[in-house]
């Protein structure tokens, strides 16, 4: 006869409280630089420098003629004026203004008078 063993009830399987979740380790790989794309935006200007206007040198005869025109317009607006005041009001050199006055006098456009020891010029009427 076979020995019959009493087998106790099967014990319940043991449940692990927490199983460790294994994660696959990932290596950090730096991104490859993307190819340089042409930008449609304008690059910001470098440190801006003041722009200096380069003007060509005007021949002296033209400067005298232009200044004569400036004197004529000044006298038309302000009437008889002392020559010293013209030197202060106009931005041209004194020599150029003197030559322009001579030009206007030669052309017969102005009269020159001395009033109270001051040279005054006026347009001829």
Protein backbone atom coordinates (compact mmCIF):
# COMPACT_ATOMS: atom_id res chain seq x y z
CA UNK A 1 0.00 0.00 0.00
CA UNK A 2 1.08 3.22 -0.71
CA UNK A 3 1.72 5.49 1.92
CA UNK A 4 -0.60 8.27 1.64
CA UNK A 5 0.71 11.31 2.88
CA UNK A 6 -1.50 13.97 3.81
CA UNK A 7 -0.64 16.90 1.93
CA UNK A 8 -1.48 20.03 3.42
CA UNK A 9 -3.24 22.49 1.30
CA UNK A 10 -1.07 24.13 -1.15
CA UNK A 11 0.33 27.21 0.23
CA UNK A 12 -0.51 30.40 -1.63
CA UNK A 13 2.26 31.56 -3.86
CA UNK A 14 4.42 34.19 -2.32
CA UNK A 15 3.81 37.62 -3.75
CA UNK A 16 6.70 39.92 -3.91
CA UNK A 17 5.87 43.24 -2.40
CA UNK A 18 7.49 45.37 -5.06
CA UNK A 19 9.30 44.23 -8.04
CA UNK A 20 12.06 46.44 -9.26
CA UNK A 21 11.33 47.71 -12.69
CA UNK A 22 14.39 47.46 -14.80
CA UNK A 23 14.87 50.31 -17.23
CA UNK A 24 17.07 50.18 -20.17
CA UNK A 25 19.92 52.60 -19.79
CA UNK A 26 20.11 55.08 -22.61
CA UNK A 27 23.28 56.71 -23.61
CA UNK A 28 23.17 60.45 -24.08
CA UNK A 29 24.32 61.14 -27.59
CA UNK A 30 24.93 64.76 -28.55
CA UNK A 31 22.84 65.97 -31.41
CA UNK A 32 24.57 66.34 -34.70
CA UNK A 33 24.76 69.95 -35.78
CA UNK A 34 22.29 70.68 -38.47
CA UNK A 35 23.64 71.96 -41.74
CA UNK A 36 23.86 75.74 -41.90
CA UNK A 37 20.81 77.18 -43.52
CA UNK A 38 20.84 80.51 -45.26
CA UNK A 39 18.93 82.96 -43.18
CA UNK A 40 16.50 85.33 -44.79
CA UNK A 41 16.88 87.75 -41.89
CA UNK A 42 19.35 90.56 -42.17
CA UNK A 43 22.28 90.34 -39.84
CA UNK A 44 22.32 93.09 -37.25
CA UNK A 45 24.63 95.89 -38.19
CA UNK A 46 27.93 96.02 -36.43
CA UNK A 47 28.70 99.00 -34.25
CA UNK A 48 27.39 101.85 -36.32
CA UNK A 49 29.84 104.58 -37.06
CA UNK A 50 28.74 108.10 -37.85
CA UNK A 51 28.50 108.64 -41.56
CA UNK A 52 30.64 111.48 -42.75
CA UNK A 53 29.50 112.92 -46.02
CA UNK A 54 32.37 113.26 -48.40
CA UNK A 55 31.74 116.21 -50.64
CA UNK A 56 33.92 116.86 -53.59
CA UNK A 57 35.90 120.07 -53.48
CA UNK A 58 34.02 122.80 -55.31
CA UNK A 59 36.19 125.01 -57.50
CA UNK A 60 36.74 128.47 -56.06
CA UNK A 61 34.98 130.28 -58.90
CA UNK A 62 31.85 128.20 -58.28
CA UNK A 63 32.04 128.88 -54.53
CA UNK A 64 32.23 132.61 -55.24
CA UNK A 65 29.24 132.40 -57.60
CA UNK A 66 27.15 130.37 -55.16
CA UNK A 67 28.00 132.71 -52.31
CA UNK A 68 27.09 135.71 -54.48
CA UNK A 69 23.67 134.11 -54.94
CA UNK A 70 23.36 133.58 -51.18
CA UNK A 71 24.25 137.23 -50.54
CA UNK A 72 21.72 138.41 -53.13
CA UNK A 73 18.93 136.31 -51.52
CA UNK A 74 19.93 137.50 -48.03
CA UNK A 75 19.79 141.15 -49.11
CA UNK A 76 16.44 140.57 -50.84
CA UNK A 77 14.99 139.27 -47.53
CA UNK A 78 16.69 141.60 -45.03
CA UNK A 79 17.42 144.78 -46.97
CA UNK A 80 20.59 146.87 -46.52
CA UNK A 81 23.06 145.00 -44.30
CA UNK A 82 26.48 145.66 -42.84
CA UNK A 83 29.24 143.54 -44.35
CA UNK A 84 30.37 142.47 -40.85
CA UNK A 85 26.90 141.06 -40.24
CA UNK A 86 27.10 139.07 -43.49
CA UNK A 87 30.31 137.47 -42.23
CA UNK A 88 28.46 136.34 -39.10
CA UNK A 89 25.29 135.19 -40.89
CA UNK A 90 26.76 133.29 -43.83
CA UNK A 91 28.74 130.09 -43.34
CA UNK A 92 31.30 130.80 -46.07
CA UNK A 93 34.86 132.06 -45.52
CA UNK A 94 35.39 135.81 -45.25
CA UNK A 95 37.61 135.89 -48.37
CA UNK A 96 34.94 134.19 -50.47
CA UNK A 97 32.28 136.61 -49.19
CA UNK A 98 34.49 139.61 -50.08
CA UNK A 99 35.07 138.25 -53.58
CA UNK A 100 31.34 137.57 -53.98
CA UNK A 101 30.54 141.16 -52.99
CA UNK A 102 33.05 142.29 -55.62
CA UNK A 103 31.36 140.08 -58.21
CA UNK A 104 27.92 141.54 -57.38
CA UNK A 105 29.33 145.07 -57.50
CA UNK A 106 30.96 144.44 -60.89
CA UNK A 107 27.66 143.07 -62.21
CA UNK A 108 25.89 146.20 -60.98
CA UNK A 109 23.57 144.26 -58.64
CA UNK A 110 24.45 146.03 -55.35
CA UNK A 111 25.39 149.41 -53.96
CA UNK A 112 28.11 149.86 -51.36
CA UNK A 113 27.87 152.70 -48.87
CA UNK A 114 29.65 153.61 -45.64
CA UNK A 115 27.19 154.42 -42.88
CA UNK A 116 28.61 155.38 -39.45
CA UNK A 117 32.03 153.95 -40.36
CA UNK A 118 30.43 150.61 -41.27
CA UNK A 119 30.39 149.29 -44.81
CA UNK A 120 26.80 148.58 -45.84
CA UNK A 121 25.57 146.88 -48.97
CA UNK A 122 22.11 146.84 -50.49
CA UNK A 123 20.49 145.63 -53.69
CA UNK A 124 20.17 148.18 -56.49
CA UNK A 125 16.64 149.11 -57.23
